[in-house]
Amino acid sequence: MSAGTNAAATLAELEHGTDPETALAFFDSLPAVSCDELRGRYRGRELLTGHPMDGLLEASGWYGKQFDDADHVHPLLFQGRGGEVFAVEPRKVPLGIAPRIPSAVVDRSQGAVGALKAALRTKKHRARLRAVEYRGVVTAAMVYDHLPIIDVFRRVDADTLLGVMDLRDSAPYVFVLQLDVRN
């Protein structure tokens, strides 16, 4: 079995739910990825670790991310009710207060971003890719243009990335990106 297959199997196990320490240990075990390798549109999903944001992005209609090149990244893609994928202006998404939103409100807001598409949508790229040292390894990271957030990536297999959102004054939030459309 190859290392990628082992990593994919471990990820599949962790996706049933895990704790932050196990998720970060798995992240640390994965190889770095270069900025040049990240091209395309990726479908995202959460890795549930007990983080206060668990369930929030998916409940809001989060689709993933799109890397056009190192200087042109759509950090937040959402999917509307009709299935259309569109980029959202990150400054209009309340990520800083997200952990304080009651779960009952999150449950009732399924797809709320899709309903607010006209107000949230952007055609402008709102992030860049840079090589960043994180947890002792230099790897590709997505730096938001206007928010104190860096998403750091490691390679699970040829089409799968494990990401950690490093948000100032917050515990790491872990997510998965699966290549959907290659550029």
Protein backbone atom coordinates (compact mmCIF):
# COMPACT_ATOMS: atom_id res chain seq x y z
CA MET A 1 0.00 0.00 0.00
CA SER A 2 1.40 3.45 -0.88
CA ALA A 3 1.79 6.30 1.59
CA GLY A 4 -1.06 8.16 -0.15
CA THR A 5 -3.36 5.18 0.24
CA ASN A 6 -2.47 4.92 3.93
CA ALA A 7 -3.12 8.63 4.38
CA ALA A 8 -6.44 8.39 2.56
CA ALA A 9 -7.49 5.45 4.76
CA THR A 10 -6.49 7.35 7.90
CA LEU A 11 -8.44 10.40 6.72
CA ALA A 12 -11.51 8.22 6.08
CA GLU A 13 -11.29 6.97 9.67
CA LEU A 14 -10.85 10.46 11.10
CA GLU A 15 -13.86 11.74 9.16
CA HIS A 16 -16.11 9.77 11.51
CA GLY A 17 -15.04 12.32 14.13
CA THR A 18 -11.82 12.91 16.00
CA ASP A 19 -10.19 15.24 18.48
CA PRO A 20 -7.98 18.24 17.65
CA GLU A 21 -4.76 16.59 18.80
CA THR A 22 -5.28 13.52 16.57
CA ALA A 23 -6.26 15.68 13.58
CA LEU A 24 -3.14 17.86 13.98
CA ALA A 25 -0.90 14.81 14.45
CA PHE A 26 -2.27 13.45 11.16
CA PHE A 27 -1.70 16.84 9.50
CA ASP A 28 1.89 16.81 10.78
CA SER A 29 2.45 13.35 9.27
CA LEU A 30 1.51 14.49 5.75
CA PRO A 31 3.92 15.84 3.12
CA ALA A 32 4.12 19.50 2.25
CA VAL A 33 2.53 20.80 -0.94
CA SER A 34 3.93 23.55 -3.15
CA CYS A 35 1.93 26.57 -4.26
CA ASP A 36 2.41 25.53 -7.90
CA GLU A 37 0.60 22.23 -7.23
CA LEU A 38 -2.59 23.96 -6.14
CA ARG A 39 -4.54 24.69 -9.27
CA GLY A 40 -8.23 24.16 -9.73
CA ARG A 41 -11.51 24.22 -7.90
CA TYR A 42 -11.71 22.12 -4.74
CA ARG A 43 -14.79 20.85 -2.96
CA GLY A 44 -14.47 21.25 0.80
CA ARG A 45 -15.72 19.32 3.75
CA GLU A 46 -15.16 19.66 7.44
CA LEU A 47 -13.13 17.33 9.63
CA LEU A 48 -15.11 17.33 12.84
CA THR A 49 -12.82 17.84 15.84
CA GLY A 50 -15.09 19.52 18.37
CA HIS A 51 -14.11 22.98 17.13
CA PRO A 52 -16.77 25.65 17.79
CA MET A 53 -17.14 26.13 13.99
CA ASP A 54 -17.82 22.43 13.31
CA GLY A 55 -20.87 22.16 11.06
CA LEU A 56 -21.19 25.88 10.41
CA LEU A 57 -19.55 26.14 6.98
CA GLU A 58 -21.29 23.11 5.51
CA ALA A 59 -24.66 24.23 6.94
CA SER A 60 -24.23 27.62 5.27
CA GLY A 61 -23.70 26.11 1.81
CA TRP A 62 -19.89 26.23 1.71
CA TYR A 63 -18.56 24.60 -1.44
CA GLY A 64 -14.78 25.00 -1.18
CA LYS A 65 -11.93 27.05 -2.70
CA GLN A 66 -10.53 27.90 -6.12
CA PHE A 67 -6.82 28.36 -6.86
CA ASP A 68 -6.31 30.00 -10.27
CA ASP A 69 -2.63 30.77 -9.62
CA ALA A 70 -0.48 31.92 -6.70
CA ASP A 71 -1.83 35.47 -6.76
CA HIS A 72 -5.43 34.72 -7.70
CA VAL A 73 -7.42 32.66 -5.21
CA HIS A 74 -11.11 32.58 -4.35
CA PRO A 75 -10.90 31.59 -0.67
CA LEU A 76 -14.60 30.98 -0.14
CA LEU A 77 -16.86 29.34 -2.70
CA PHE A 78 -20.48 28.66 -1.88
CA GLN A 79 -23.22 26.81 -3.71
CA GLY A 80 -26.60 28.41 -4.31
CA ARG A 81 -29.93 26.63 -4.13
CA GLY A 82 -29.86 26.10 -7.91
CA GLY A 83 -26.45 24.44 -7.73
CA GLU A 84 -24.43 27.42 -9.01
CA VAL A 85 -20.98 27.75 -7.42
CA PHE A 86 -19.93 31.34 -6.71
CA ALA A 87 -17.18 33.22 -4.86
CA VAL A 88 -18.06 35.15 -1.71
CA GLU A 89 -16.42 38.27 -0.28
CA PRO A 90 -14.80 36.92 2.94
CA ARG A 91 -15.18 40.24 4.76
CA LYS A 92 -18.96 39.79 4.56
CA VAL A 93 -18.89 36.36 6.22
CA PRO A 94 -18.78 36.69 10.02
CA LEU A 95 -16.01 34.14 10.64
CA GLY A 96 -14.90 35.91 13.81
CA ILE A 97 -18.29 35.51 15.48
CA ALA A 98 -19.11 32.15 13.90
CA PRO A 99 -18.08 30.07 16.92
CA ARG A 100 -20.58 32.01 19.08
CA ILE A 101 -23.60 31.33 16.84
CA PRO A 102 -25.95 28.87 18.57
CA SER A 103 -26.28 25.51 16.81
CA ALA A 104 -30.07 25.93 16.56
CA VAL A 105 -29.54 29.06 14.47
CA VAL A 106 -27.02 27.23 12.28
CA ASP A 107 -29.46 24.36 11.75
CA ARG A 108 -32.21 26.75 10.61
CA SER A 109 -29.87 28.67 8.28
CA GLN A 110 -29.13 25.84 5.86
CA GLY A 111 -28.00 27.46 2.64
CA ALA A 112 -28.41 31.02 3.94
CA VAL A 113 -25.42 32.19 1.94
CA GLY A 114 -27.11 31.03 -1.25
CA ALA A 115 -30.16 33.14 -0.42
CA LEU A 116 -27.90 36.17 0.15
CA LYS A 117 -25.85 35.53 -2.99
CA ALA A 118 -26.33 38.98 -4.55
CA ALA A 119 -25.09 40.75 -1.41
CA LEU A 120 -22.14 38.43 -0.72
CA ARG A 121 -20.89 37.53 -4.20
CA THR A 122 -17.59 38.79 -5.62
CA LYS A 123 -15.73 38.25 -8.87
CA LYS A 124 -12.48 39.51 -7.29
CA HIS A 125 -9.85 37.15 -5.94
CA ARG A 126 -9.54 37.71 -2.20
CA ALA A 127 -6.50 35.61 -1.23
CA ARG A 128 -3.03 34.54 -2.37
CA LEU A 129 -0.89 31.42 -2.04
CA ARG A 130 2.47 31.64 -0.31
CA ALA A 131 4.95 29.14 1.13
CA VAL A 132 4.68 29.43 4.90
CA GLU A 133 6.32 27.60 7.76
CA TYR A 134 3.62 26.10 9.95
CA ARG A 135 4.17 23.47 12.64
CA GLY A 136 7.81 23.19 11.54
CA VAL A 137 7.22 22.53 7.82
CA VAL A 138 7.27 24.94 4.88
CA THR A 139 4.16 24.27 2.79
CA ALA A 140 1.57 26.07 0.67
CA ALA A 141 -0.74 28.39 2.53
CA MET A 142 -3.60 30.61 1.48
CA VAL A 143 -3.36 34.11 2.92
CA TYR A 144 -6.59 36.10 3.01
CA ASP A 145 -6.24 39.65 1.70
CA HIS A 146 -8.31 41.38 4.37
CA LEU A 147 -8.70 38.96 7.28
CA PRO A 148 -6.28 37.61 9.92
CA ILE A 149 -6.60 34.08 8.51
CA ILE A 150 -4.10 31.73 6.91
CA ASP A 151 -5.20 28.32 5.61
CA VAL A 152 -2.27 25.90 5.55
CA PHE A 153 -2.26 22.76 3.38
CA ARG A 154 -0.68 19.30 3.34
CA ARG A 155 -1.10 16.55 0.72
CA VAL A 156 -3.23 13.47 1.52
CA ASP A 157 -3.12 12.08 -2.03
CA ALA A 158 -2.96 13.36 -5.61
CA ASP A 159 -6.41 15.00 -5.41
CA THR A 160 -6.90 15.55 -1.68
CA LEU A 161 -5.55 18.16 0.72
CA LEU A 162 -5.87 18.53 4.46
CA GLY A 163 -6.16 22.14 5.53
CA VAL A 164 -5.85 23.92 8.84
CA MET A 165 -7.40 27.35 9.25
CA ASP A 166 -5.17 29.47 11.44
CA LEU A 167 -7.43 32.28 12.65
CA ARG A 168 -6.03 34.76 15.12
CA ASP A 169 -7.16 34.00 18.71
CA SER A 170 -8.88 30.73 17.72
CA ALA A 171 -8.05 27.04 17.91
CA PRO A 172 -7.03 25.48 14.57
CA TYR A 173 -10.00 24.48 12.41
CA VAL A 174 -9.38 21.41 10.20
CA PHE A 175 -10.95 20.74 6.79
CA VAL A 176 -10.51 18.62 3.67
CA LEU A 177 -10.29 19.79 0.05
CA GLN A 178 -10.99 17.38 -2.80
CA LEU A 179 -10.04 18.40 -6.35
CA ASP A 180 -13.21 18.97 -8.35
CA VAL A 181 -12.11 20.80 -11.51
CA ARG A 182 -8.46 21.09 -12.58
CA ASN A 183 -7.26 24.38 -14.14
